[in-house]
Amino acid sequence: MIHANKPTNQAQFLLRRKLTVEGFTDSQWVDFIQELNHHPCVDIAERKPKCRLIVTFDATHWSTDALIELVESYGGRLKGGWWERQKLARYRFSDENIRANANLAPFCCSKIPPMKK
């Protein structure tokens, strides 16, 4: 279970993304991580060895695609390859799933689900 570091983020909607980013210098990494940690939807961001970026964010307000756009706006790019494409596809699917489930009203298991008219 991921624990929220910022009080505004809800732990049940937090997602952790691990991406390999290429094309950043050390000063760009520092600026980028600082920008991410000050973003209202990002819970925590950190750089790991081998250019690994680990970001935990609130999936109801932000997405993996928005993270990729931010990486590209700083001049970086994601590492290519089959495995990275598979991870991105799975990340995008779970982003959409959480966003859709966040808008659903829960109902009791012993009742009939609400019908659309």
Protein backbone atom coordinates (compact mmCIF):
# COMPACT_ATOMS: atom_id res chain seq x y z
CA MET A 1 0.00 0.00 0.00
CA ILE A 2 1.28 3.43 -0.91
CA HIS A 3 1.06 6.02 1.86
CA ALA A 4 0.34 9.64 0.99
CA ASN A 5 3.08 12.10 1.92
CA LYS A 6 0.99 15.17 1.15
CA PRO A 7 -2.26 15.61 3.08
CA THR A 8 -4.24 16.54 -0.05
CA ASN A 9 -3.63 13.23 -1.81
CA GLN A 10 -5.89 10.25 -1.23
CA ALA A 11 -3.94 7.02 -0.71
CA GLN A 12 -6.43 4.83 -2.59
CA PHE A 13 -5.85 6.78 -5.82
CA LEU A 14 -2.05 7.03 -5.66
CA LEU A 15 -0.05 5.32 -8.39
CA ARG A 16 3.69 4.73 -8.48
CA ARG A 17 5.40 4.96 -11.86
CA LYS A 18 8.95 3.79 -12.54
CA LEU A 19 10.38 5.14 -15.79
CA THR A 20 13.85 5.27 -17.32
CA VAL A 21 14.54 8.78 -18.60
CA GLU A 22 17.38 9.61 -20.99
CA GLY A 23 18.80 12.93 -22.10
CA PHE A 24 18.96 14.84 -18.80
CA THR A 25 22.08 16.42 -17.36
CA ASP A 26 22.58 16.47 -13.58
CA SER A 27 21.32 20.06 -13.29
CA GLN A 28 18.25 19.22 -15.40
CA TRP A 29 17.52 16.26 -13.09
CA VAL A 30 17.65 18.51 -10.03
CA ASP A 31 15.32 21.08 -11.61
CA PHE A 32 12.95 18.40 -12.89
CA ILE A 33 12.66 16.57 -9.55
CA GLN A 34 12.12 19.88 -7.78
CA GLU A 35 9.37 20.80 -10.27
CA LEU A 36 7.67 17.43 -9.79
CA ASN A 37 7.79 17.61 -5.99
CA HIS A 38 6.11 21.04 -6.09
CA HIS A 39 3.37 19.86 -8.46
CA PRO A 40 0.01 19.63 -6.59
CA CYS A 41 -0.88 16.18 -7.99
CA VAL A 42 2.51 14.58 -7.36
CA ASP A 43 2.96 13.01 -3.95
CA ILE A 44 6.67 12.34 -4.21
CA ALA A 45 9.28 12.12 -6.97
CA GLU A 46 12.84 10.88 -6.78
CA ARG A 47 15.75 9.93 -8.98
CA LYS A 48 17.36 6.54 -8.61
CA PRO A 49 20.62 5.27 -10.11
CA LYS A 50 20.76 4.45 -13.83
CA CYS A 51 18.47 7.40 -14.72
CA ARG A 52 15.41 5.84 -13.09
CA LEU A 53 12.55 8.18 -12.21
CA ILE A 54 10.09 7.09 -9.54
CA VAL A 55 6.96 9.23 -9.20
CA THR A 56 3.92 8.71 -7.02
CA PHE A 57 0.92 10.78 -8.08
CA ASP A 58 -2.83 11.14 -7.62
CA ALA A 59 -4.37 9.35 -10.61
CA THR A 60 -7.70 11.14 -10.35
CA HIS A 61 -6.09 14.43 -11.40
CA TRP A 62 -2.93 13.46 -13.30
CA SER A 63 -1.80 10.72 -15.67
CA THR A 64 1.26 8.95 -17.00
CA ASP A 65 0.84 10.80 -20.31
CA ALA A 66 1.01 14.14 -18.48
CA LEU A 67 4.21 12.95 -16.79
CA ILE A 68 5.71 11.98 -20.16
CA GLU A 69 4.78 15.39 -21.60
CA LEU A 70 6.56 17.08 -18.69
CA VAL A 71 9.66 14.93 -19.25
CA GLU A 72 9.69 15.88 -22.93
CA SER A 73 9.18 19.58 -22.15
CA TYR A 74 12.40 19.46 -20.09
CA GLY A 75 14.27 17.93 -23.04
CA GLY A 76 14.31 14.31 -21.91
CA ARG A 77 12.88 11.18 -23.44
CA LEU A 78 11.84 7.78 -22.21
CA LYS A 79 14.02 4.79 -22.89
CA GLY A 80 12.70 2.86 -25.88
CA GLY A 81 12.27 -0.86 -26.17
CA TRP A 82 9.68 -3.57 -26.02
CA TRP A 83 9.53 -3.81 -22.23
CA GLU A 84 9.13 -0.05 -21.80
CA ARG A 85 6.25 0.00 -24.31
CA GLN A 86 4.54 -2.83 -22.41
CA LYS A 87 4.92 -0.98 -19.11
CA LEU A 88 3.52 2.22 -20.62
CA ALA A 89 0.49 0.37 -22.00
CA ARG A 90 -0.20 -1.15 -18.58
CA TYR A 91 0.31 2.22 -16.88
CA ARG A 92 -2.14 3.92 -19.25
CA PHE A 93 -4.75 1.21 -18.70
CA SER A 94 -4.55 1.51 -14.93
CA ASP A 95 -4.70 5.34 -15.19
CA GLU A 96 -7.97 5.11 -17.11
CA ASN A 97 -9.34 2.45 -14.77
CA ILE A 98 -8.68 4.46 -11.61
CA ARG A 99 -10.06 7.65 -13.15
CA ALA A 100 -13.27 5.81 -14.14
CA ASN A 101 -13.65 4.09 -10.77
CA ALA A 102 -13.09 7.31 -8.84
CA ASN A 103 -16.31 8.73 -10.32
CA LEU A 104 -18.49 5.72 -9.47
CA ALA A 105 -20.85 5.83 -6.52
CA PRO A 106 -20.47 2.68 -4.40
CA PHE A 107 -23.50 0.50 -3.81
CA CYS A 108 -24.23 -2.29 -1.36
CA CYS A 109 -23.59 -5.87 -2.52
CA SER A 110 -26.99 -7.09 -1.40
CA LYS A 111 -28.88 -4.49 -3.44
CA ILE A 112 -29.53 -4.40 -7.14
CA PRO A 113 -27.11 -2.03 -8.87
CA PRO A 114 -28.62 1.28 -9.98
CA MET A 115 -30.15 1.10 -13.46
CA LYS A 116 -29.58 3.71 -16.13
CA LYS A 117 -32.72 5.22 -17.57
